[in-house]
Protein backbone atom coordinates (compact mmCIF):
# COMPACT_ATOMS: atom_id res chain seq x y z
CA MET A 1 -79.86 -96.30 -100.97
CA THR A 2 -82.43 -95.28 -103.58
CA ILE A 3 -86.14 -95.35 -102.97
CA GLY A 4 -88.30 -95.92 -106.02
CA PRO A 5 -92.04 -96.00 -106.51
CA LEU A 6 -94.01 -98.71 -104.77
CA PRO A 7 -95.16 -101.57 -106.98
CA ALA A 8 -98.87 -101.61 -107.79
CA ALA A 9 -101.06 -104.15 -106.01
CA SER A 10 -102.15 -105.88 -109.20
CA GLY A 11 -100.41 -105.45 -112.51
CA ASN A 12 -99.70 -101.86 -113.47
CA ALA A 13 -102.83 -100.36 -111.88
CA PRO A 14 -102.15 -97.55 -109.40
CA VAL A 15 -102.91 -98.22 -105.75
CA LYS A 16 -105.74 -96.10 -104.35
CA LEU A 17 -105.29 -95.59 -100.62
CA GLN A 18 -108.30 -93.46 -99.65
CA ARG A 19 -111.76 -92.64 -100.85
CA THR A 20 -112.65 -89.08 -101.62
CA PRO A 21 -115.47 -87.50 -99.58
CA GLN A 22 -117.66 -87.65 -102.69
CA GLU A 23 -117.00 -91.39 -103.10
CA ALA A 24 -117.78 -92.02 -99.43
CA ALA A 25 -121.01 -90.02 -99.70
CA GLN A 26 -122.05 -91.88 -102.85
CA GLU A 27 -121.34 -95.21 -101.16
CA LEU A 28 -123.54 -94.18 -98.23
CA VAL A 29 -126.36 -93.19 -100.62
CA VAL A 30 -126.17 -96.61 -102.28
CA LYS A 31 -126.20 -98.42 -98.92
CA ASN A 32 -129.18 -96.36 -97.72
CA ARG A 33 -131.08 -97.10 -100.95
CA GLU A 34 -130.45 -100.84 -100.54
CA MET A 35 -131.61 -100.65 -96.92
CA SER A 36 -134.83 -98.92 -97.98
CA LYS A 37 -135.56 -101.68 -100.50
CA ALA A 38 -135.00 -104.37 -97.87
CA ILE A 39 -137.26 -102.60 -95.38
CA ARG A 40 -140.00 -102.23 -97.99
CA ALA A 41 -139.84 -106.00 -98.56
CA LEU A 42 -140.09 -106.67 -94.81
CA ASN A 43 -143.17 -104.47 -94.53
CA GLU A 44 -144.85 -106.02 -97.59
CA ASN A 45 -144.50 -109.43 -95.94
CA ALA A 46 -145.59 -108.18 -92.46
CA VAL A 47 -142.51 -109.79 -90.92
CA TYR A 48 -142.96 -107.93 -87.61
CA GLY A 49 -146.71 -108.46 -87.47
CA PRO A 50 -149.71 -106.70 -88.99
CA GLY A 51 -149.66 -103.90 -86.37
CA SER A 52 -146.00 -102.97 -86.80
CA GLU A 53 -143.82 -101.67 -89.57
CA VAL A 54 -140.13 -101.17 -90.11
CA THR A 55 -138.99 -97.64 -90.92
CA PHE A 56 -135.70 -96.23 -92.10
CA ALA A 57 -134.51 -92.71 -91.38
CA ILE A 58 -131.31 -90.70 -91.16
CA ASP A 59 -130.23 -89.35 -87.77
CA ARG A 60 -129.75 -85.57 -88.04
CA ASP A 61 -126.84 -85.40 -85.59
CA THR A 62 -124.72 -88.28 -86.89
CA GLY A 63 -125.94 -88.75 -90.46
CA ARG A 64 -126.26 -92.49 -89.79
CA GLY A 65 -129.15 -94.65 -90.88
CA LEU A 66 -131.76 -95.65 -88.30
CA ILE A 67 -133.93 -98.74 -88.43
CA ARG A 68 -137.03 -98.61 -86.25
CA ILE A 69 -139.92 -100.94 -85.60
CA VAL A 70 -142.97 -98.73 -85.10
CA ASP A 71 -146.52 -99.44 -83.94
CA LYS A 72 -148.72 -98.47 -86.91
CA VAL A 73 -151.60 -97.22 -84.74
CA THR A 74 -149.75 -95.15 -82.11
CA ASN A 75 -146.52 -94.44 -84.06
CA GLU A 76 -144.65 -95.49 -80.92
CA VAL A 77 -141.09 -96.62 -81.60
CA LEU A 78 -140.92 -100.17 -80.25
CA THR A 79 -137.21 -100.67 -80.96
CA GLN A 80 -134.45 -98.83 -82.80
CA ARG A 81 -131.00 -99.69 -84.12
CA PRO A 82 -128.58 -98.13 -83.40
CA THR A 83 -129.98 -97.18 -80.02
CA GLU A 84 -130.29 -93.58 -78.81
CA ASP A 85 -127.39 -94.14 -76.39
CA ILE A 86 -125.05 -95.17 -79.19
CA LEU A 87 -126.15 -92.23 -81.35
CA ARG A 88 -125.59 -89.81 -78.46
CA MET A 89 -122.08 -91.18 -77.83
CA ALA A 90 -121.23 -90.91 -81.53
CA ALA A 91 -122.44 -87.29 -81.62
CA GLU A 92 -120.45 -86.41 -78.48
CA LEU A 93 -117.29 -88.00 -79.87
CA SER A 94 -117.77 -86.10 -83.10
CA GLU A 95 -118.12 -82.82 -81.20
CA LEU A 96 -114.90 -83.58 -79.30
CA GLY A 97 -113.07 -84.07 -82.59
CA GLY A 98 -112.88 -87.85 -82.36
CA HIS A 99 -113.02 -89.81 -85.57
CA THR A 100 -114.35 -93.03 -84.07
CA ARG A 101 -117.56 -94.24 -85.69
CA LEU A 102 -119.72 -96.09 -83.19
CA ALA A 103 -123.02 -95.96 -85.02
């Protein structure tokens, strides 16, 4: 039996199975930029009330984006997604060598 090359998915174009780390990083940058634009629009329209604002940040331990609703006067975080528990679990899994992305 002879094994030849696999046929391309569409026409003669080669099949790309994985993204390079640079492509994945660039995709994350684009997603983060889009998220920032959406958050700016929410704040301009005072969607969460005049005393609150939505913020976007990157978690240092996991590198994931964080969305927070913050009290403008006290800077208290009223809610956050993903939650601290999820971020902690993702960081612990990463330290253990797991490749599961929870956050």
